Amino acid sequence: MIDVPPTANGVTRLVPEATPRGHGAQREGLLRRVLRLVHGHEGGVVWVEGPADAGKSCLLAFAAEKAALAGAVPLTAGGVAGGDLPPLAPLLDALARQMPGVAEPGPPHEVLRTVEDALRELSHEQPVLVVLDDLHLCDHLTLLAVRTLTARLAELPVLWVLAARSHLDVPAVVSLRRNLPPERTESLELTALDPDSVRLLVADLLGSRAGEAEPYLPLLGGLPGAIRHACALLRATAGEARQEVLAEAVAARRLDQLTSQARELVLTASGVGDSLGVRHLSRMLDRREAALLRPLREVLAAGLMRAQLECLAFVHPSVREAVAATLPAPLRLSVRRRSVELRLADGSPVAAATVPGATWRGLTRSELGVVRLIAHGATNREAAERLFVSPHTVNTHLRHAFEKLGVRSRVQLARLYAREVEATSASA
């Protein structure tokens, strides 16, 4: 493990050792960049991006270790979740071990000058690698300082390796990335490991017990952090409860790491079923499909869902069930009812597709529209106004629906409709 200097609130953060599996091209690219810093005194910026658990911290630890071995001064720190830290604390923390006493409080402009002077002094003696993890958790002044210092120190042998979670809509982070000098900035993106790398990593972690993890690999999305966490759980649990425990742990971990919009999306999807279309999801969330692009990318990158040809699906039914279980029962039922209502409003025979022996299949789209309104208490005239047809047409559709469904009154129709909605909700 490589220690990150204690944060301003006294908590020491640890960056795990670099994983030996996967992301080889990114590690090689970062190593070349570190060697150019040490041997060619070439500064600049490396921007590392990826979803939670993708291995960003491991990659940064690898860079710091190689820089130290090659003769550079590694300064490592990062943002802290929920940390109420003083302005510029990550940068001051990064300097604290090399230059005791530098982390003196003061007005932000004076602290920024102190950090700049310290980096200039250090870089005159040795090349400097500044590693800042979890930029999305850093304070606004730290991000502004990084933007300023990468420009002011451009002529010095100072290499900035900055890591942030992808698909986040954090304005200060977006602004920082946009304003980094493009000619001096390289980008590395971390994605899920390929299946072979996943199995090799599991073998590293579990040894002869690696086969026990095989049934659970689809739950992990190929993300190294999730794999490490899951292997630790497998070592600690046994019996039939394993999959349930693992699915709950995966779901809780991923939900905690999502933004609020992505969390809302995946929670809503979990209440609908194992798969659903984007259009239906946009209607459930009452948002345009284009507005779902960023949170949907985040959910897919987190390995909770996957994109199929015509729909979205959870990576495993147990993950969907674990996510849905975090919803209060009344809310979960409400989500399912709304899903059924929207589909019936579109004329989709939902119950026929999900409830064995259901008789809704024979209704036309127009008849389903009338049934839905009448079952909710609308009169023929009110239904006609809603559907932009004549009361006579509504009466005709209703008569046909009565015949096909085997009911004789509006009360029977409403009861049958309610039972079908409940049955479809329960099976979703």
Protein backbone atom coordinates (compact mmCIF):
# COMPACT_ATOMS: atom_id res chain seq x y z
CA MET A 1 0.00 0.00 0.00
CA ILE A 2 1.12 3.57 -0.64
CA ASP A 3 0.18 6.04 2.06
CA VAL A 4 -1.45 9.29 1.07
CA PRO A 5 -0.55 12.06 3.56
CA PRO A 6 -3.06 12.57 6.39
CA THR A 7 -5.91 14.83 5.41
CA ALA A 8 -6.68 18.03 7.24
CA ASN A 9 -9.22 16.22 9.42
CA GLY A 10 -6.60 13.75 10.59
CA VAL A 11 -7.74 10.75 8.56
CA THR A 12 -5.08 8.87 6.62
CA ARG A 13 -6.14 7.68 3.18
CA LEU A 14 -4.58 4.61 1.63
CA VAL A 15 -4.20 4.00 -2.07
CA PRO A 16 -4.17 0.27 -2.88
CA GLU A 17 -1.30 -1.26 -4.76
CA ALA A 18 -1.68 -1.37 -8.50
CA THR A 19 -3.48 -4.44 -9.78
CA PRO A 20 -1.28 -6.65 -11.96
CA ARG A 21 -4.25 -7.57 -14.14
CA GLY A 22 -5.80 -5.51 -16.91
CA HIS A 23 -5.32 -1.89 -17.94
CA GLY A 24 -1.85 -2.77 -19.20
CA ALA A 25 -1.92 -0.19 -21.99
CA GLN A 26 -2.87 2.57 -19.53
CA ARG A 27 -0.12 1.57 -17.09
CA GLU A 28 2.46 1.47 -19.86
CA GLY A 29 1.35 4.87 -21.16
CA LEU A 30 1.52 6.41 -17.70
CA LEU A 31 4.94 4.86 -17.07
CA ARG A 32 6.28 6.37 -20.30
CA ARG A 33 4.93 9.74 -19.21
CA VAL A 34 6.62 9.45 -15.79
CA LEU A 35 9.94 8.53 -17.42
CA ARG A 36 9.68 11.53 -19.73
CA LEU A 37 9.28 13.66 -16.60
CA VAL A 38 12.31 12.14 -14.88
CA HIS A 39 14.70 11.88 -17.83
CA GLY A 40 13.49 14.71 -20.02
CA HIS A 41 12.19 17.08 -17.32
CA GLU A 42 8.95 17.27 -19.29
CA GLY A 43 5.99 18.44 -17.23
CA GLY A 44 2.34 18.46 -18.17
CA VAL A 45 -0.94 16.83 -17.17
CA VAL A 46 -2.31 13.29 -17.33
CA TRP A 47 -6.08 13.12 -16.85
CA VAL A 48 -7.32 9.73 -15.61
CA GLU A 49 -11.03 9.00 -15.86
CA GLY A 50 -13.26 6.01 -15.22
CA PRO A 51 -16.26 4.80 -13.24
CA ALA A 52 -16.12 3.98 -9.56
CA ASP A 53 -14.13 0.80 -8.84
CA ALA A 54 -12.43 0.94 -12.26
CA GLY A 55 -8.94 1.03 -10.73
CA LYS A 56 -8.05 4.74 -10.85
CA SER A 57 -6.49 4.73 -7.38
CA CYS A 58 -4.42 1.66 -8.26
CA LEU A 59 -3.15 3.36 -11.40
CA LEU A 60 -2.22 6.49 -9.44
CA ALA A 61 -0.42 4.39 -6.83
CA PHE A 62 1.51 2.72 -9.65
CA ALA A 63 2.55 6.14 -11.02
CA ALA A 64 3.70 7.38 -7.61
CA GLU A 65 5.70 4.22 -6.97
CA LYS A 66 7.45 4.32 -10.35
CA ALA A 67 8.16 8.05 -10.03
CA ALA A 68 9.82 7.54 -6.65
CA LEU A 69 11.95 4.66 -7.96
CA ALA A 70 13.00 6.71 -10.99
CA GLY A 71 14.11 9.69 -8.90
CA ALA A 72 11.12 12.07 -8.87
CA VAL A 73 9.36 13.50 -5.82
CA PRO A 74 5.82 12.06 -5.61
CA LEU A 75 3.25 14.24 -3.87
CA THR A 76 -0.02 12.35 -3.36
CA ALA A 77 -3.38 13.36 -1.93
CA GLY A 78 -7.01 13.59 -2.97
CA GLY A 79 -10.55 14.52 -2.13
CA VAL A 80 -12.41 12.93 0.76
CA ALA A 81 -16.10 12.02 0.67
CA GLY A 82 -18.06 14.16 3.10
CA GLY A 83 -14.88 15.88 4.23
CA ASP A 84 -15.40 19.41 5.51
CA LEU A 85 -11.81 20.39 4.77
CA PRO A 86 -10.13 23.80 4.66
CA PRO A 87 -9.63 25.36 1.21
CA LEU A 88 -6.70 23.85 -0.74
CA ALA A 89 -6.27 21.11 1.87
CA PRO A 90 -5.43 18.37 -0.70
CA LEU A 91 -2.56 20.40 -2.19
CA LEU A 92 -1.26 21.37 1.24
CA ASP A 93 -1.47 17.74 2.36
CA ALA A 94 0.49 16.67 -0.71
CA LEU A 95 3.33 18.99 0.28
CA ALA A 96 3.23 18.33 4.02
CA ARG A 97 5.58 15.35 4.12
CA GLN A 98 8.21 16.91 1.93
CA MET A 99 8.10 20.36 3.48
CA PRO A 100 6.89 20.31 7.11
CA GLY A 101 5.25 23.55 8.14
CA VAL A 102 4.09 24.47 4.66
CA ALA A 103 0.45 23.72 5.49
CA GLU A 104 -0.19 26.91 7.45
CA PRO A 105 -3.74 28.29 7.27
CA GLY A 106 -4.35 31.69 5.75
CA PRO A 107 -6.30 33.55 3.06
CA PRO A 108 -6.72 31.45 -0.09
CA HIS A 109 -4.55 33.70 -2.26
CA GLU A 110 -1.70 33.48 0.23
CA VAL A 111 -2.05 29.70 0.53
CA LEU A 112 -2.01 29.42 -3.26
CA ARG A 113 1.20 31.47 -3.38
CA THR A 114 2.70 29.20 -0.71
CA VAL A 115 1.84 26.08 -2.72
CA GLU A 116 3.25 27.59 -5.92
CA ASP A 117 6.50 28.65 -4.24
CA ALA A 118 6.90 25.22 -2.64
CA LEU A 119 6.41 23.43 -5.95
CA ARG A 120 8.91 25.73 -7.63
CA GLU A 121 11.46 25.06 -4.91
CA LEU A 122 11.01 21.29 -5.05
CA SER A 123 11.15 21.14 -8.84
CA HIS A 124 14.48 22.98 -8.92
CA GLU A 125 15.99 20.02 -7.04
CA GLN A 126 14.09 17.05 -8.57
CA PRO A 127 11.23 16.47 -10.98
CA VAL A 128 7.90 16.52 -9.16
CA LEU A 129 4.89 14.25 -9.68
CA VAL A 130 1.67 15.67 -8.19
CA VAL A 131 -1.01 12.98 -7.85
CA LEU A 132 -4.53 14.10 -6.95
CA ASP A 133 -7.20 11.42 -6.69
CA ASP A 134 -10.99 11.88 -6.57
CA LEU A 135 -11.05 15.41 -7.95
CA HIS A 136 -14.84 15.31 -7.82
CA LEU A 137 -14.54 15.31 -4.01
CA CYS A 138 -12.10 18.24 -3.84
CA ASP A 139 -13.18 21.72 -2.83
CA HIS A 140 -13.76 24.38 -5.44
CA LEU A 141 -10.62 26.36 -4.54
CA THR A 142 -8.42 23.28 -4.94
CA LEU A 143 -9.78 22.73 -8.45
CA LEU A 144 -9.26 26.40 -9.27
CA ALA A 145 -5.70 26.21 -7.90
CA VAL A 146 -4.91 23.16 -10.04
CA ARG A 147 -6.18 24.99 -13.09
CA THR A 148 -4.00 28.01 -12.20
CA LEU A 149 -0.85 26.13 -11.25
CA THR A 150 -0.79 23.82 -14.25
CA ALA A 151 -0.52 26.98 -16.35
CA ARG A 152 1.89 28.94 -14.14
CA LEU A 153 4.31 26.03 -13.68
CA ALA A 154 4.15 24.84 -17.27
CA GLU A 155 7.86 25.46 -17.86
CA LEU A 156 8.95 23.39 -14.84
CA PRO A 157 9.41 19.59 -14.50
CA VAL A 158 6.08 19.13 -12.71
CA LEU A 159 3.74 16.39 -13.93
CA TRP A 160 0.14 16.45 -12.67
CA VAL A 161 -1.74 13.14 -12.61
CA LEU A 162 -5.38 13.96 -11.93
CA ALA A 163 -8.16 11.41 -11.49
CA ALA A 164 -11.92 11.93 -11.53
CA ARG A 165 -14.94 9.71 -11.86
CA SER A 166 -16.38 9.67 -15.35
CA HIS A 167 -19.90 10.77 -16.29
CA LEU A 168 -20.17 13.16 -13.37
CA ASP A 169 -21.85 16.50 -13.85
CA VAL A 170 -19.67 18.46 -11.41
CA PRO A 171 -19.31 21.95 -12.95
CA ALA A 172 -15.96 22.74 -11.31
CA VAL A 173 -14.43 19.46 -12.53
CA VAL A 174 -15.89 19.91 -16.02
CA SER A 175 -14.48 23.46 -16.11
CA LEU A 176 -11.06 22.27 -14.97
CA ARG A 177 -10.90 19.55 -17.62
CA ARG A 178 -12.04 21.94 -20.33
CA ASN A 179 -9.42 24.55 -19.44
CA LEU A 180 -6.35 22.31 -19.17
CA PRO A 181 -3.90 23.07 -22.00
CA PRO A 182 -4.73 20.50 -24.71
CA GLU A 183 -1.20 20.43 -26.11
CA ARG A 184 0.20 19.40 -22.70
CA THR A 185 -2.61 17.14 -21.49
CA GLU A 186 -2.95 13.42 -22.09
CA SER A 187 -6.07 11.42 -21.22
CA LEU A 188 -6.35 7.86 -19.96
CA GLU A 189 -9.74 6.19 -19.66
CA LEU A 190 -10.27 3.11 -17.52
CA THR A 191 -13.07 0.76 -18.45
CA ALA A 192 -14.16 -2.70 -17.34
CA LEU A 193 -11.63 -5.52 -17.52
CA ASP A 194 -12.01 -8.14 -20.22
CA PRO A 195 -13.24 -11.60 -19.05
CA ASP A 196 -9.77 -13.17 -19.16
CA SER A 197 -8.30 -10.41 -16.98
CA VAL A 198 -11.20 -10.78 -14.56
CA ARG A 199 -10.54 -14.50 -14.13
CA LEU A 200 -6.81 -13.94 -13.67
CA LEU A 201 -7.47 -11.28 -11.03
CA VAL A 202 -9.89 -13.61 -9.22
CA ALA A 203 -7.23 -16.34 -9.32
CA ASP A 204 -4.74 -13.90 -7.77
CA LEU A 205 -7.19 -13.08 -4.98
CA LEU A 206 -8.73 -16.50 -4.25
CA GLY A 207 -6.09 -18.97 -5.41
CA SER A 208 -7.43 -22.53 -5.48
CA ARG A 209 -10.90 -21.24 -4.55
CA ALA A 210 -11.20 -19.10 -7.69
CA GLY A 211 -13.82 -21.42 -9.18
CA GLU A 212 -16.23 -20.46 -6.39
CA ALA A 213 -16.44 -16.95 -7.84
CA GLU A 214 -17.47 -18.03 -11.35
CA PRO A 215 -21.26 -17.82 -10.80
CA TYR A 216 -20.93 -14.30 -9.40
CA LEU A 217 -18.70 -12.72 -12.05
CA PRO A 218 -21.66 -11.39 -14.10
CA LEU A 219 -22.63 -9.30 -11.06
CA LEU A 220 -19.35 -7.40 -10.96
CA GLY A 221 -19.26 -5.54 -14.25
CA GLY A 222 -15.56 -6.27 -14.80
CA LEU A 223 -14.56 -3.53 -12.34
CA PRO A 224 -11.42 -4.34 -10.29
CA GLY A 225 -12.65 -2.68 -7.10
CA ALA A 226 -15.92 -4.61 -7.21
CA ILE A 227 -14.03 -7.84 -7.88
CA ARG A 228 -11.75 -7.32 -4.88
CA HIS A 229 -14.73 -6.50 -2.67
CA ALA A 230 -16.68 -9.54 -3.91
CA CYS A 231 -13.75 -11.91 -3.38
CA ALA A 232 -13.41 -10.67 0.18
CA LEU A 233 -17.12 -11.39 0.73
CA LEU A 234 -16.78 -14.85 -0.77
CA ARG A 235 -14.00 -15.64 1.67
CA ALA A 236 -16.20 -14.48 4.54
CA THR A 237 -19.52 -16.13 3.61
CA ALA A 238 -20.66 -19.62 2.82
CA GLY A 239 -23.74 -21.59 1.91
CA GLU A 240 -26.85 -20.73 -0.06
CA ALA A 241 -26.93 -17.16 1.25
CA ARG A 242 -23.82 -16.25 -0.73
CA GLN A 243 -25.48 -14.93 -3.87
CA GLU A 244 -28.04 -12.90 -1.91
CA VAL A 245 -25.32 -11.40 0.32
CA LEU A 246 -23.10 -10.67 -2.66
CA ALA A 247 -25.89 -9.12 -4.74
CA GLU A 248 -26.94 -6.89 -1.83
CA ALA A 249 -23.35 -5.81 -1.25
CA VAL A 250 -22.78 -5.07 -4.93
CA ALA A 251 -26.03 -3.11 -5.19
CA ALA A 252 -25.36 -1.07 -2.03
CA ARG A 253 -21.79 -0.29 -3.06
CA ARG A 254 -22.77 0.80 -6.57
CA LEU A 255 -25.76 2.87 -5.44
CA ASP A 256 -23.60 4.78 -2.96
CA GLN A 257 -21.19 5.64 -5.77
CA LEU A 258 -23.80 6.96 -8.22
CA THR A 259 -24.89 10.55 -8.66
CA SER A 260 -28.44 11.38 -7.59
CA GLN A 261 -29.79 11.30 -11.16
CA ALA A 262 -28.16 7.96 -11.95
CA ARG A 263 -29.39 6.54 -8.64
CA GLU A 264 -32.96 7.65 -9.41
CA LEU A 265 -32.73 6.04 -12.84
CA VAL A 266 -31.54 2.64 -11.61
CA LEU A 267 -33.95 2.57 -8.66
CA THR A 268 -36.88 3.31 -10.96
CA ALA A 269 -35.72 0.69 -13.44
CA SER A 270 -35.46 -1.89 -10.66
CA GLY A 271 -39.12 -1.38 -9.80
CA VAL A 272 -40.18 -2.00 -13.40
CA GLY A 273 -38.47 -5.32 -14.08
CA ASP A 274 -35.31 -6.98 -15.33
CA SER A 275 -35.45 -5.14 -18.67
CA LEU A 276 -37.17 -2.09 -20.15
CA GLY A 277 -36.94 0.30 -23.05
CA VAL A 278 -35.36 3.76 -22.86
CA ARG A 279 -38.57 5.43 -24.04
CA HIS A 280 -40.56 3.75 -21.27
CA LEU A 281 -37.91 4.72 -18.71
CA SER A 282 -37.98 8.35 -19.87
CA ARG A 283 -41.75 8.41 -19.37
CA MET A 284 -41.42 6.81 -15.95
CA LEU A 285 -38.95 9.54 -14.92
CA ASP A 286 -40.89 12.26 -16.78
CA ARG A 287 -37.72 13.34 -18.60
CA ARG A 288 -36.72 13.54 -22.23
CA GLU A 289 -34.67 10.64 -23.53
CA ALA A 290 -31.73 12.98 -24.24
CA ALA A 291 -31.69 14.01 -20.57
CA LEU A 292 -31.10 10.38 -19.59
CA LEU A 293 -27.89 10.08 -21.59
CA ARG A 294 -25.43 11.11 -18.87
CA PRO A 295 -26.99 9.20 -15.94
CA LEU A 296 -27.56 6.17 -18.17
CA ARG A 297 -23.90 6.12 -19.20
CA GLU A 298 -22.97 6.26 -15.53
CA VAL A 299 -25.24 3.32 -14.68
CA LEU A 300 -23.88 1.26 -17.57
CA ALA A 301 -20.29 2.09 -16.63
CA ALA A 302 -21.02 1.06 -13.04
CA GLY A 303 -21.93 -2.40 -14.30
CA LEU A 304 -25.43 -2.41 -12.83
CA MET A 305 -27.20 -2.59 -16.19
CA ARG A 306 -26.26 -3.39 -19.76
CA ALA A 307 -27.56 -2.16 -23.11
CA GLN A 308 -29.17 -4.83 -25.26
CA LEU A 309 -30.41 -4.50 -28.81
CA GLU A 310 -33.75 -2.88 -28.02
CA CYS A 311 -33.79 -2.47 -24.25
CA LEU A 312 -31.84 -2.03 -21.02
CA ALA A 313 -31.35 -4.98 -18.72
CA PHE A 314 -29.86 -5.57 -15.29
CA VAL A 315 -26.65 -7.57 -15.34
CA HIS A 316 -28.32 -10.25 -13.23
CA PRO A 317 -31.82 -10.68 -11.77
CA SER A 318 -30.37 -10.86 -8.26
CA VAL A 319 -28.83 -7.39 -8.72
CA ARG A 320 -32.19 -5.98 -9.80
CA GLU A 321 -33.89 -7.61 -6.83
CA ALA A 322 -31.25 -6.27 -4.45
CA VAL A 323 -31.62 -2.74 -5.85
CA ALA A 324 -35.42 -2.94 -5.74
CA ALA A 325 -35.25 -4.12 -2.13
CA THR A 326 -33.79 -0.74 -1.16
CA LEU A 327 -37.07 0.91 -2.18
CA PRO A 328 -39.82 1.11 0.47
CA ALA A 329 -42.57 -1.40 -0.39
CA PRO A 330 -45.27 1.26 -1.10
CA LEU A 331 -42.93 3.13 -3.43
CA ARG A 332 -41.89 -0.07 -5.20
CA LEU A 333 -45.54 -0.99 -5.80
CA SER A 334 -46.28 2.56 -6.98
CA VAL A 335 -43.45 2.38 -9.53
CA ARG A 336 -44.73 -0.94 -10.86
CA ARG A 337 -48.29 0.32 -11.11
CA ARG A 338 -47.19 3.42 -12.99
CA SER A 339 -45.22 1.25 -15.40
CA VAL A 340 -48.25 -0.91 -16.10
CA GLU A 341 -50.50 2.12 -16.48
CA LEU A 342 -48.17 3.72 -19.02
CA ARG A 343 -47.96 0.54 -21.04
CA LEU A 344 -51.69 0.00 -21.01
CA ALA A 345 -52.17 3.64 -22.02
CA ASP A 346 -49.99 2.90 -25.05
CA GLY A 347 -52.18 -0.05 -25.91
CA SER A 348 -49.60 -2.65 -24.90
CA PRO A 349 -51.24 -5.84 -23.55
CA VAL A 350 -48.87 -5.99 -20.57
CA ALA A 351 -50.85 -8.50 -18.56
CA ALA A 352 -51.13 -10.83 -21.53
CA ALA A 353 -47.36 -10.85 -21.83
CA THR A 354 -46.67 -11.54 -18.17
CA VAL A 355 -49.69 -13.26 -16.59
CA PRO A 356 -50.46 -16.81 -17.81
CA GLY A 357 -53.97 -17.23 -19.15
CA ALA A 358 -54.68 -13.48 -19.23
CA THR A 359 -57.42 -12.42 -21.62
CA TRP A 360 -56.21 -8.93 -22.46
CA ARG A 361 -54.47 -10.19 -25.58
CA GLY A 362 -57.65 -9.98 -27.62
CA LEU A 363 -58.24 -6.28 -26.98
CA THR A 364 -57.27 -3.77 -29.62
CA ARG A 365 -55.24 -0.70 -28.71
CA SER A 366 -58.36 1.46 -28.90
CA GLU A 367 -60.30 -0.92 -26.69
CA LEU A 368 -57.48 -0.98 -24.11
CA GLY A 369 -57.51 2.82 -24.02
CA VAL A 370 -61.22 2.86 -23.29
CA VAL A 371 -60.95 0.10 -20.67
CA ARG A 372 -58.24 1.96 -18.80
CA LEU A 373 -60.32 5.14 -18.54
CA ILE A 374 -63.57 3.39 -17.67
CA ALA A 375 -61.83 1.26 -15.02
CA HIS A 376 -60.69 4.50 -13.41
CA GLY A 377 -64.25 5.78 -13.21
CA ALA A 378 -64.61 7.86 -16.37
CA THR A 379 -68.02 8.12 -18.02
CA ASN A 380 -68.41 7.34 -21.73
CA ARG A 381 -68.51 11.05 -22.50
CA GLU A 382 -65.41 11.78 -20.40
CA ALA A 383 -63.56 8.93 -22.08
CA ALA A 384 -64.63 10.23 -25.49
CA GLU A 385 -63.27 13.69 -24.68
CA ARG A 386 -59.97 12.24 -23.46
CA LEU A 387 -59.57 10.02 -26.53
CA PHE A 388 -60.90 12.57 -29.04
CA VAL A 389 -63.59 10.20 -30.32
CA SER A 390 -67.39 10.16 -30.13
CA PRO A 391 -69.32 8.65 -27.19
CA HIS A 392 -70.77 6.19 -29.70
CA THR A 393 -67.26 4.94 -30.54
CA VAL A 394 -66.46 4.59 -26.84
CA ASN A 395 -69.64 2.60 -26.33
CA THR A 396 -68.73 0.29 -29.21
CA HIS A 397 -65.21 -0.32 -27.89
CA LEU A 398 -66.56 -0.92 -24.40
CA ARG A 399 -69.14 -3.43 -25.62
CA HIS A 400 -66.45 -5.35 -27.50
CA ALA A 401 -64.19 -5.31 -24.42
CA PHE A 402 -67.02 -6.65 -22.25
CA GLU A 403 -67.49 -9.54 -24.67
CA LYS A 404 -63.78 -10.38 -24.92
CA LEU A 405 -63.15 -10.14 -21.19
CA GLY A 406 -66.32 -11.94 -20.13
CA VAL A 407 -67.65 -9.17 -17.87
CA ARG A 408 -71.11 -7.63 -17.70
CA SER A 409 -70.64 -4.37 -15.83
CA ARG A 410 -68.26 -1.48 -15.26
CA VAL A 411 -67.74 -2.69 -11.69
CA GLN A 412 -66.63 -6.12 -12.90
CA LEU A 413 -64.39 -4.47 -15.49
CA ALA A 414 -62.76 -2.25 -12.87
CA ARG A 415 -62.16 -5.22 -10.56
CA LEU A 416 -60.65 -7.32 -13.35
CA TYR A 417 -58.46 -4.43 -14.45
CA ALA A 418 -57.23 -3.88 -10.89
CA ARG A 419 -56.41 -7.59 -10.49
CA GLU A 420 -54.45 -7.61 -13.74
CA VAL A 421 -52.47 -4.51 -12.72
CA GLU A 422 -51.68 -6.05 -9.33
CA ALA A 423 -50.68 -9.37 -10.91
CA THR A 424 -48.44 -7.67 -13.46
CA SER A 425 -46.90 -5.49 -10.75
CA ALA A 426 -46.15 -8.54 -8.58
CA SER A 427 -44.50 -10.40 -11.47
CA ALA A 428 -42.36 -7.43 -12.60
